[in-house]
Structure formats: C-alpha cells, structure tokens
PDB file of N, CA and C in Angstrom:
ATOM      1  N   MET A   1      16.457  28.716   2.210  1.00  0.00           N
ATOM      2  CA  MET A   1      15.775  28.510   3.231  1.00  0.00           C
ATOM      3  C   MET A   1      15.052  28.838   4.185  1.00  0.00           C
ATOM      4  N   LYS A   2      15.690  29.504   4.789  1.00  0.00           N
ATOM      5  CA  LYS A   2      15.946  29.973   6.324  1.00  0.00           C
ATOM      6  C   LYS A   2      14.713  31.282   5.349  1.00  0.00           C
ATOM      7  N   LYS A   3      15.116  31.841   4.108  1.00  0.00           N
ATOM      8  CA  LYS A   3      14.140  33.196   4.527  1.00  0.00           C
ATOM      9  C   LYS A   3      12.977  32.858   3.833  1.00  0.00           C
ATOM     10  N   ILE A   4      12.973  31.973   3.342  1.00  0.00           N
ATOM     11  CA  ILE A   4      11.343  31.072   2.723  1.00  0.00           C
ATOM     12  C   ILE A   4      10.445  31.413   4.045  1.00  0.00           C
ATOM     13  N   PHE A   5      11.715  30.424   5.142  1.00  0.00           N
ATOM     14  CA  PHE A   5      10.822  30.111   6.615  1.00  0.00           C
ATOM     15  C   PHE A   5      10.261  31.359   7.179  1.00  0.00           C
ATOM     16  N   LYS A   6      10.911  32.801   6.890  1.00  0.00           N
ATOM     17  CA  LYS A   6      10.710  33.724   7.878  1.00  0.00           C
ATOM     18  C   LYS A   6       9.899  34.383   7.299  1.00  0.00           C
ATOM     19  N   LEU A   7       9.596  33.986   6.064  1.00  0.00           N
ATOM     20  CA  LEU A   7       8.328  35.118   5.452  1.00  0.00           C
ATOM     21  C   LEU A   7       7.021  34.333   5.552  1.00  0.00           C
ATOM     22  N   LEU A   8       7.295  33.151   5.655  1.00  0.00           N
ATOM     23  CA  LEU A   8       5.895  31.998   5.933  1.00  0.00           C
ATOM     24  C   LEU A   8       5.929  32.477   7.082  1.00  0.00           C
ATOM     25  N   ILE A   9       6.197  32.671   8.136  1.00  0.00           N
ATOM     26  CA  ILE A   9       5.793  33.129   9.747  1.00  0.00           C
ATOM     27  C   ILE A   9       5.356  34.180   9.197  1.00  0.00           C
ATOM     28  N   LEU A  10       6.073  35.071   8.923  1.00  0.00           N
ATOM     29  CA  LEU A  10       5.648  36.970   8.666  1.00  0.00           C
ATOM     30  C   LEU A  10       4.183  37.269   8.226  1.00  0.00           C
ATOM     31  N   PHE A  11       3.701  36.050   6.811  1.00  0.00           N
ATOM     32  CA  PHE A  11       2.476  35.959   6.530  1.00  0.00           C
ATOM     33  C   PHE A  11       1.581  35.552   7.407  1.00  0.00           C
ATOM     34  N   TYR A  12       1.824  34.298   8.091  1.00  0.00           N
ATOM     35  CA  TYR A  12       1.412  33.956   8.641  1.00  0.00           C
ATOM     36  C   TYR A  12       0.339  34.941   9.785  1.00  0.00           C
ATOM     37  N   LEU A  13       1.726  35.116  10.543  1.00  0.00           N
ATOM     38  CA  LEU A  13       1.665  36.450  11.850  1.00  0.00           C
ATOM     39  C   LEU A  13       1.000  37.694  10.949  1.00  0.00           C
ATOM     40  N   SER A  14       1.102  38.302  10.267  1.00  0.00           N
ATOM     41  CA  SER A  14      -0.181  38.917   9.494  1.00  0.00           C
ATOM     42  C   SER A  14      -1.073  38.459   9.479  1.00  0.00           C
ATOM     43  N   PHE A  15      -1.638  37.482   9.309  1.00  0.00           N
ATOM     44  CA  PHE A  15      -2.736  37.393   9.248  1.00  0.00           C
ATOM     45  C   PHE A  15      -3.361  36.761  10.313  1.00  0.00           C
ATOM     46  N   LEU A  16      -3.133  36.713  11.039  1.00  0.00           N
ATOM     47  CA  LEU A  16      -3.408  36.545  12.457  1.00  0.00           C
ATOM     48  C   LEU A  16      -3.655  37.849  13.127  1.00  0.00           C
ATOM     49  N   ILE A  17      -3.131  38.705  12.659  1.00  0.00           N
ATOM     50  CA  ILE A  17      -3.665  40.440  13.560  1.00  0.00           C
ATOM     51  C   ILE A  17      -4.453  41.046  12.530  1.00  0.00           C
ATOM     52  N   LEU A  18      -4.608  40.457  11.484  1.00  0.00           N
ATOM     53  CA  LEU A  18      -5.695  41.232  10.537  1.00  0.00           C
ATOM     54  C   LEU A  18      -6.629  40.809  10.664  1.00  0.00           C
ATOM     55  N   SER A  19      -6.961  39.620  10.101  1.00  0.00           N
ATOM     56  CA  SER A  19      -8.230  38.848  10.224  1.00  0.00           C
ATOM     57  C   SER A  19      -9.106  39.071  11.130  1.00  0.00           C
ATOM     58  N   PRO A  20      -8.886  39.605  12.454  1.00  0.00           N
ATOM     59  CA  PRO A  20      -9.729  39.716  13.474  1.00  0.00           C
ATOM     60  C   PRO A  20     -10.583  40.775  13.079  1.00  0.00           C
ATOM     61  N   MET A  21      -9.526  42.018  12.870  1.00  0.00           N
ATOM     62  CA  MET A  21     -10.085  43.419  11.966  1.00  0.00           C
ATOM     63  C   MET A  21     -10.920  43.319  11.041  1.00  0.00           C
ATOM     64  N   ALA A  22     -10.474  42.394  10.416  1.00  0.00           N
ATOM     65  CA  ALA A  22     -11.893  42.387   8.892  1.00  0.00           C
ATOM     66  C   ALA A  22     -12.945  41.587   9.756  1.00  0.00           C
ATOM     67  N   THR A  23     -12.881  40.584  10.504  1.00  0.00           N
ATOM     68  CA  THR A  23     -13.992  39.788  10.937  1.00  0.00           C
ATOM     69  C   THR A  23     -15.262  41.113  11.793  1.00  0.00           C
ATOM     70  N   PHE A  24     -14.434  41.200  12.288  1.00  0.00           N
ATOM     71  CA  PHE A  24     -15.305  42.999  12.893  1.00  0.00           C
ATOM     72  C   PHE A  24     -16.089  43.722  12.143  1.00  0.00           C
ATOM     73  N   ALA A  25     -15.171  44.144  11.330  1.00  0.00           N
ATOM     74  CA  ALA A  25     -16.009  45.141  10.407  1.00  0.00           C
ATOM     75  C   ALA A  25     -17.256  44.274   9.399  1.00  0.00           C
ATOM     76  N   GLN A  26     -17.187  43.210   8.957  1.00  0.00           N
ATOM     77  CA  GLN A  26     -17.793  42.575   8.084  1.00  0.00           C
ATOM     78  C   GLN A  26     -18.752  42.277   9.360  1.00  0.00           C
ATOM     79  N   MET A  27     -19.089  42.472  10.272  1.00  0.00           N
ATOM     80  CA  MET A  27     -20.432  41.731  11.135  1.00  0.00           C
ATOM     81  C   MET A  27     -20.747  42.745  11.927  1.00  0.00           C
ATOM     82  N   VAL A  28     -20.182  44.142  11.912  1.00  0.00           N
ATOM     83  CA  VAL A  28     -20.808  44.734  12.595  1.00  0.00           C
ATOM     84  C   VAL A  28     -21.850  45.408  11.988  1.00  0.00           C
ATOM     85  N   PRO A  29     -22.784  45.965  11.916  1.00  0.00           N
ATOM     86  CA  PRO A  29     -23.921  46.553  10.895  1.00  0.00           C
ATOM     87  C   PRO A  29     -24.042  48.159  10.971  1.00  0.00           C
ATOM     88  N   ASN A  30     -23.585  48.676  11.954  1.00  0.00           N
ATOM     89  CA  ASN A  30     -23.615  50.096  11.412  1.00  0.00           C
ATOM     90  C   ASN A  30     -21.773  50.588  12.173  1.00  0.00           C
ATOM     91  N   THR A  31     -20.853  50.926  11.247  1.00  0.00           N
ATOM     92  CA  THR A  31     -19.673  51.533  11.134  1.00  0.00           C
ATOM     93  C   THR A  31     -19.219  52.758  11.716  1.00  0.00           C
ATOM     94  N   VAL A  32     -20.651  53.601  12.094  1.00  0.00           N
ATOM     95  CA  VAL A  32     -19.828  54.879  12.140  1.00  0.00           C
ATOM     96  C   VAL A  32     -21.456  54.975  13.730  1.00  0.00           C
ATOM     97  N   CYS A  33     -20.805  55.844  14.306  1.00  0.00           N
ATOM     98  CA  CYS A  33     -21.856  56.066  15.559  1.00  0.00           C
ATOM     99  C   CYS A  33     -22.850  56.868  15.598  1.00  0.00           C
ATOM    100  N   PRO A  34     -24.102  56.045  15.891  1.00  0.00           N
ATOM    101  CA  PRO A  34     -25.090  57.501  15.716  1.00  0.00           C
ATOM    102  C   PRO A  34     -25.173  58.276  16.677  1.00  0.00           C
ATOM    103  N   VAL A  35     -24.916  57.864  17.870  1.00  0.00           N
ATOM    104  CA  VAL A  35     -25.022  59.222  18.656  1.00  0.00           C
ATOM    105  C   VAL A  35     -23.688  59.933  18.259  1.00  0.00           C
ATOM    106  N   MET A  36     -22.771  59.871  17.956  1.00  0.00           N
ATOM    107  CA  MET A  36     -21.799  61.046  17.247  1.00  0.00           C
ATOM    108  C   MET A  36     -21.543  60.862  15.747  1.00  0.00           C
ATOM    109  N   PRO A  37     -22.259  60.777  14.548  1.00  0.00           N
ATOM    110  CA  PRO A  37     -22.317  60.623  13.660  1.00  0.00           C
ATOM    111  C   PRO A  37     -20.751  61.700  13.139  1.00  0.00           C
ATOM    112  N   GLY A  38     -20.147  60.527  12.368  1.00  0.00           N
ATOM    113  CA  GLY A  38     -18.685  60.551  11.875  1.00  0.00           C
ATOM    114  C   GLY A  38     -17.312  60.016  12.608  1.00  0.00           C
ATOM    115  N   GLU A  39     -17.738  59.616  14.035  1.00  0.00           N
ATOM    116  CA  GLU A  39     -17.195  58.625  14.606  1.00  0.00           C
ATOM    117  C   GLU A  39     -17.120  57.143  14.113  1.00  0.00           C
ATOM    118  N   ARG A  40     -15.658  56.373  14.034  1.00  0.00           N
ATOM    119  CA  ARG A  40     -15.854  55.353  13.997  1.00  0.00           C
ATOM    120  C   ARG A  40     -16.470  54.491  15.243  1.00  0.00           C
ATOM    121  N   VAL A  41     -16.951  53.158  15.038  1.00  0.00           N
ATOM    122  CA  VAL A  41     -17.780  52.665  16.589  1.00  0.00           C
ATOM    123  C   VAL A  41     -16.278  51.992  16.827  1.00  0.00           C
ATOM    124  N   LYS A  42     -16.181  51.213  17.729  1.00  0.00           N
ATOM    125  CA  LYS A  42     -15.531  50.301  18.293  1.00  0.00           C
ATOM    126  C   LYS A  42     -15.815  49.128  19.145  1.00  0.00           C
ATOM    127  N   GLN A  43     -15.442  47.963  19.131  1.00  0.00           N
ATOM    128  CA  GLN A  43     -16.019  46.896  19.163  1.00  0.00           C
ATOM    129  C   GLN A  43     -16.186  46.345  20.455  1.00  0.00           C
ATOM    130  N   LYS A  44     -15.909  47.507  21.681  1.00  0.00           N
ATOM    131  CA  LYS A  44     -15.902  47.297  23.131  1.00  0.00           C
ATOM    132  C   LYS A  44     -17.433  47.545  23.689  1.00  0.00           C
ATOM    133  N   PHE A  45     -18.019  48.837  22.501  1.00  0.00           N
ATOM    134  CA  PHE A  45     -18.769  50.124  23.072  1.00  0.00           C
ATOM    135  C   PHE A  45     -20.015  49.543  22.125  1.00  0.00           C
ATOM    136  N   TYR A  46     -20.975  48.480  22.884  1.00  0.00           N
ATOM    137  CA  TYR A  46     -22.096  48.325  22.170  1.00  0.00           C
ATOM    138  C   TYR A  46     -23.022  48.619  23.455  1.00  0.00           C
ATOM    139  N   VAL A  47     -24.562  48.521  22.259  1.00  0.00           N
ATOM    140  CA  VAL A  47     -25.558  48.377  23.220  1.00  0.00           C
ATOM    141  C   VAL A  47     -26.576  47.298  22.602  1.00  0.00           C
ATOM    142  N   ASP A  48     -27.213  46.547  22.962  1.00  0.00           N
ATOM    143  CA  ASP A  48     -28.111  45.334  22.628  1.00  0.00           C
ATOM    144  C   ASP A  48     -29.743  46.316  23.026  1.00  0.00           C
ATOM    145  N   TYR A  49     -30.236  46.248  22.015  1.00  0.00           N
ATOM    146  CA  TYR A  49     -31.797  47.103  21.843  1.00  0.00           C
ATOM    147  C   TYR A  49     -32.360  46.544  20.908  1.00  0.00           C
ATOM    148  N   GLN A  50     -33.692  45.693  21.338  1.00  0.00           N
ATOM    149  CA  GLN A  50     -34.489  45.049  20.844  1.00  0.00           C
ATOM    150  C   GLN A  50     -33.741  44.110  19.741  1.00  0.00           C
ATOM    151  N   GLY A  51     -33.300  42.991  20.368  1.00  0.00           N
ATOM    152  CA  GLY A  51     -32.633  41.934  19.247  1.00  0.00           C
ATOM    153  C   GLY A  51     -31.299  42.719  18.614  1.00  0.00           C
ATOM    154  N   GLU A  52     -31.269  43.620  18.803  1.00  0.00           N
ATOM    155  CA  GLU A  52     -29.881  44.282  17.661  1.00  0.00           C
ATOM    156  C   GLU A  52     -29.101  44.407  18.207  1.00  0.00           C
ATOM    157  N   ARG A  53     -27.677  44.450  18.037  1.00  0.00           N
ATOM    158  CA  ARG A  53     -26.167  44.984  18.801  1.00  0.00           C
ATOM    159  C   ARG A  53     -26.344  46.485  17.970  1.00  0.00           C
ATOM    160  N   ILE A  54     -26.133  47.296  18.477  1.00  0.00           N
ATOM    161  CA  ILE A  54     -25.520  48.692  17.624  1.00  0.00           C
ATOM    162  C   ILE A  54     -24.219  48.914  18.487  1.00  0.00           C
ATOM    163  N   TYR A  55     -23.661  49.258  17.813  1.00  0.00           N
ATOM    164  CA  TYR A  55     -22.100  49.742  18.159  1.00  0.00           C
ATOM    165  C   TYR A  55     -21.803  51.086  18.412  1.00  0.00           C
ATOM    166  N   LEU A  56     -21.144  51.603  19.149  1.00  0.00           N
ATOM    167  CA  LEU A  56     -20.817  53.074  19.412  1.00  0.00           C
ATOM    168  C   LEU A  56     -19.357  53.462  19.625  1.00  0.00           C
ATOM    169  N   CYS A  57     -19.284  54.618  19.584  1.00  0.00           N
ATOM    170  CA  CYS A  57     -17.955  55.137  19.555  1.00  0.00           C
ATOM    171  C   CYS A  57     -16.788  55.204  20.623  1.00  0.00           C
ATOM    172  N   CYS A  58     -18.032  55.331  22.098  1.00  0.00           N
ATOM    173  CA  CYS A  58     -17.090  55.405  23.019  1.00  0.00           C
ATOM    174  C   CYS A  58     -17.914  55.802  24.356  1.00  0.00           C
ATOM    175  N   ARG A  59     -17.788  55.454  25.379  1.00  0.00           N
ATOM    176  CA  ARG A  59     -18.590  54.952  26.776  1.00  0.00           C
ATOM    177  C   ARG A  59     -20.093  56.158  27.044  1.00  0.00           C
ATOM    178  N   ASN A  60     -18.951  57.388  26.476  1.00  0.00           N
ATOM    179  CA  ASN A  60     -20.726  58.326  26.938  1.00  0.00           C
ATOM    180  C   ASN A  60     -21.754  57.725  25.683  1.00  0.00           C
ATOM    181  N   CYS A  61     -21.089  57.318  24.649  1.00  0.00           N
ATOM    182  CA  CYS A  61     -22.204  57.306  23.747  1.00  0.00           C
ATOM    183  C   CYS A  61     -22.794  56.417  23.981  1.00  0.00           C
ATOM    184  N   VAL A  62     -22.529  55.233  25.264  1.00  0.00           N
ATOM    185  CA  VAL A  62     -23.047  53.766  24.884  1.00  0.00           C
ATOM    186  C   VAL A  62     -24.274  54.473  26.257  1.00  0.00           C
ATOM    187  N   ILE A  63     -24.158  55.889  27.560  1.00  0.00           N
ATOM    188  CA  ILE A  63     -24.863  56.367  28.396  1.00  0.00           C
ATOM    189  C   ILE A  63     -25.488  56.603  27.203  1.00  0.00           C
ATOM    190  N   ALA A  64     -25.329  57.786  26.395  1.00  0.00           N
ATOM    191  CA  ALA A  64     -26.602  58.774  25.836  1.00  0.00           C
ATOM    192  C   ALA A  64     -27.766  57.841  24.776  1.00  0.00           C
ATOM    193  N   PHE A  65     -27.042  57.204  24.022  1.00  0.00           N
ATOM    194  CA  PHE A  65     -28.173  55.899  23.805  1.00  0.00           C
ATOM    195  C   PHE A  65     -28.717  55.552  24.447  1.00  0.00           C
ATOM    196  N   LYS A  66     -28.861  54.824  25.683  1.00  0.00           N
ATOM    197  CA  LYS A  66     -29.720  54.017  26.799  1.00  0.00           C
ATOM    198  C   LYS A  66     -30.884  55.410  26.654  1.00  0.00           C
ATOM    199  N   LYS A  67     -30.177  56.611  27.348  1.00  0.00           N
ATOM    200  CA  LYS A  67     -31.510  57.520  27.701  1.00  0.00           C
ATOM    201  C   LYS A  67     -32.221  57.558  26.268  1.00  0.00           C
ATOM    202  N   ASN A  68     -31.749  57.811  25.491  1.00  0.00           N
ATOM    203  CA  ASN A  68     -32.323  57.885  24.507  1.00  0.00           C
ATOM    204  C   ASN A  68     -32.685  57.035  22.958  1.00  0.00           C
ATOM    205  N   PRO A  69     -33.587  55.775  22.994  1.00  0.00           N
ATOM    206  CA  PRO A  69     -32.661  54.780  22.151  1.00  0.00           C
ATOM    207  C   PRO A  69     -33.697  55.411  20.745  1.00  0.00           C
ATOM    208  N   GLU A  70     -34.628  55.392  21.363  1.00  0.00           N
ATOM    209  CA  GLU A  70     -35.698  55.476  19.781  1.00  0.00           C
ATOM    210  C   GLU A  70     -35.140  56.890  19.194  1.00  0.00           C
ATOM    211  N   LYS A  71     -34.473  57.535  19.175  1.00  0.00           N
ATOM    212  CA  LYS A  71     -33.944  58.998  19.033  1.00  0.00           C
ATOM    213  C   LYS A  71     -32.741  58.480  17.923  1.00  0.00           C
ATOM    214  N   PHE A  72     -31.624  57.782  18.753  1.00  0.00           N
ATOM    215  CA  PHE A  72     -30.758  57.238  18.363  1.00  0.00           C
ATOM    216  C   PHE A  72     -30.693  56.074  16.945  1.00  0.00           C
ATOM    217  N   MET A  73     -31.604  55.023  17.310  1.00  0.00           N
ATOM    218  CA  MET A  73     -32.405  54.062  16.483  1.00  0.00           C
ATOM    219  C   MET A  73     -32.867  54.629  15.029  1.00  0.00           C
ATOM    220  N   LYS A  74     -33.824  55.957  15.239  1.00  0.00           N
ATOM    221  CA  LYS A  74     -34.171  56.245  14.182  1.00  0.00           C
ATOM    222  C   LYS A  74     -33.001  57.571  13.133  1.00  0.00           C
ATOM    223  N   ARG A  75     -31.791  57.824  14.034  1.00  0.00           N
ATOM    224  CA  ARG A  75     -30.589  58.348  13.270  1.00  0.00           C
ATOM    225  C   ARG A  75     -30.211  57.390  12.501  1.00  0.00           C
ATOM    226  N   LEU A  76     -29.963  55.954  13.530  1.00  0.00           N
ATOM    227  CA  LEU A  76     -29.016  54.954  12.304  1.00  0.00           C
ATOM    228  C   LEU A  76     -29.169  54.560  11.374  1.00  0.00           C
ATOM    229  N   THR A  77     -31.233  54.431  11.591  1.00  0.00           N
ATOM    230  CA  THR A  77     -32.086  53.870  10.525  1.00  0.00           C
ATOM    231  C   THR A  77     -31.940  54.880   9.091  1.00  0.00           C
ATOM    232  N   LYS A  78     -31.583  56.262   8.946  1.00  0.00           N
ATOM    233  CA  LYS A  78     -31.603  56.904   8.232  1.00  0.00           C
ATOM    234  C   LYS A  78     -30.524  57.278   7.662  1.00  0.00           C
ATOM    235  N   MET A  79     -28.601  56.942   8.351  1.00  0.00           N
ATOM    236  CA  MET A  79     -27.650  56.482   7.678  1.00  0.00           C
ATOM    237  C   MET A  79     -27.543  55.371   7.347  1.00  0.00           C
ATOM    238  N   GLN A  80     -28.428  54.534   7.823  1.00  0.00           N
ATOM    239  CA  GLN A  80     -28.080  53.248   6.979  1.00  0.00           C
ATOM    240  C   GLN A  80     -29.002  53.360   5.604  1.00  0.00           C
ATOM    241  N   ALA A  81     -30.115  53.960   5.471  1.00  0.00           N
ATOM    242  CA  ALA A  81     -30.555  54.099   3.987  1.00  0.00           C
ATOM    243  C   ALA A  81     -29.838  55.241   3.738  1.00  0.00           C
ATOM    244  N   LYS A  82     -28.721  56.130   3.647  1.00  0.00           N
ATOM    245  CA  LYS A  82     -28.122  56.851   2.759  1.00  0.00           C
ATOM    246  C   LYS A  82     -27.221  56.267   2.181  1.00  0.00           C
ATOM    247  N   VAL A  83     -26.369  54.741   3.121  1.00  0.00           N
ATOM    248  CA  VAL A  83     -25.179  53.899   2.233  1.00  0.00           C
ATOM    249  C   VAL A  83     -25.873  53.370   1.670  1.00  0.00           C
ATOM    250  N   GLN A  84     -27.154  53.006   1.488  1.00  0.00           N
ATOM    251  CA  GLN A  84     -27.974  51.899   0.645  1.00  0.00           C
ATOM    252  C   GLN A  84     -27.873  52.388  -0.603  1.00  0.00           C
TER     253      GLN A  84
END
C-alpha cells in the first residue's frame, strides 16, 4: 500500500513539474528566436509587437528586436512559412 501511495505522489509531482513546460510550448507562436535563428526561445524573454507576443532567446535579442522589429518580423514570417 505504501508503494502505491509513493508512486501516486511521484506521478502527481512529475505531472506538476512537466505540465507548465508543455503548456508554454503549446502557447508560444515561435519556438526559435528570430534574431538568432537556431536558438530556442525562453519564456522570460519576449516583446509585444503589434498585438503579438514574440519570444526570444536572451536579453540581447530583446534589445536587437526593439531596434529593428520589421527586419525580425520578416525573418520570423519566413521561418514560420518553412515550418508549415
């Protein structure tokens, strides 16, 4: 009985840990940084641009995106077109 209880707790804790990661991946419109293609985005680095949240890989990419958003939006559009 104790083993089953421990397994249930372990299962529940793993679900709590892994479910936010899956949720972030599902809600992120872009998973690759438009400033540094090939780099995975991180949830804490983003820019809201024209009503859309664009995720980036690091603070430097946030700064670069803000300096020239049109350039990186074009790149992001091309990257998304290749995926689809």
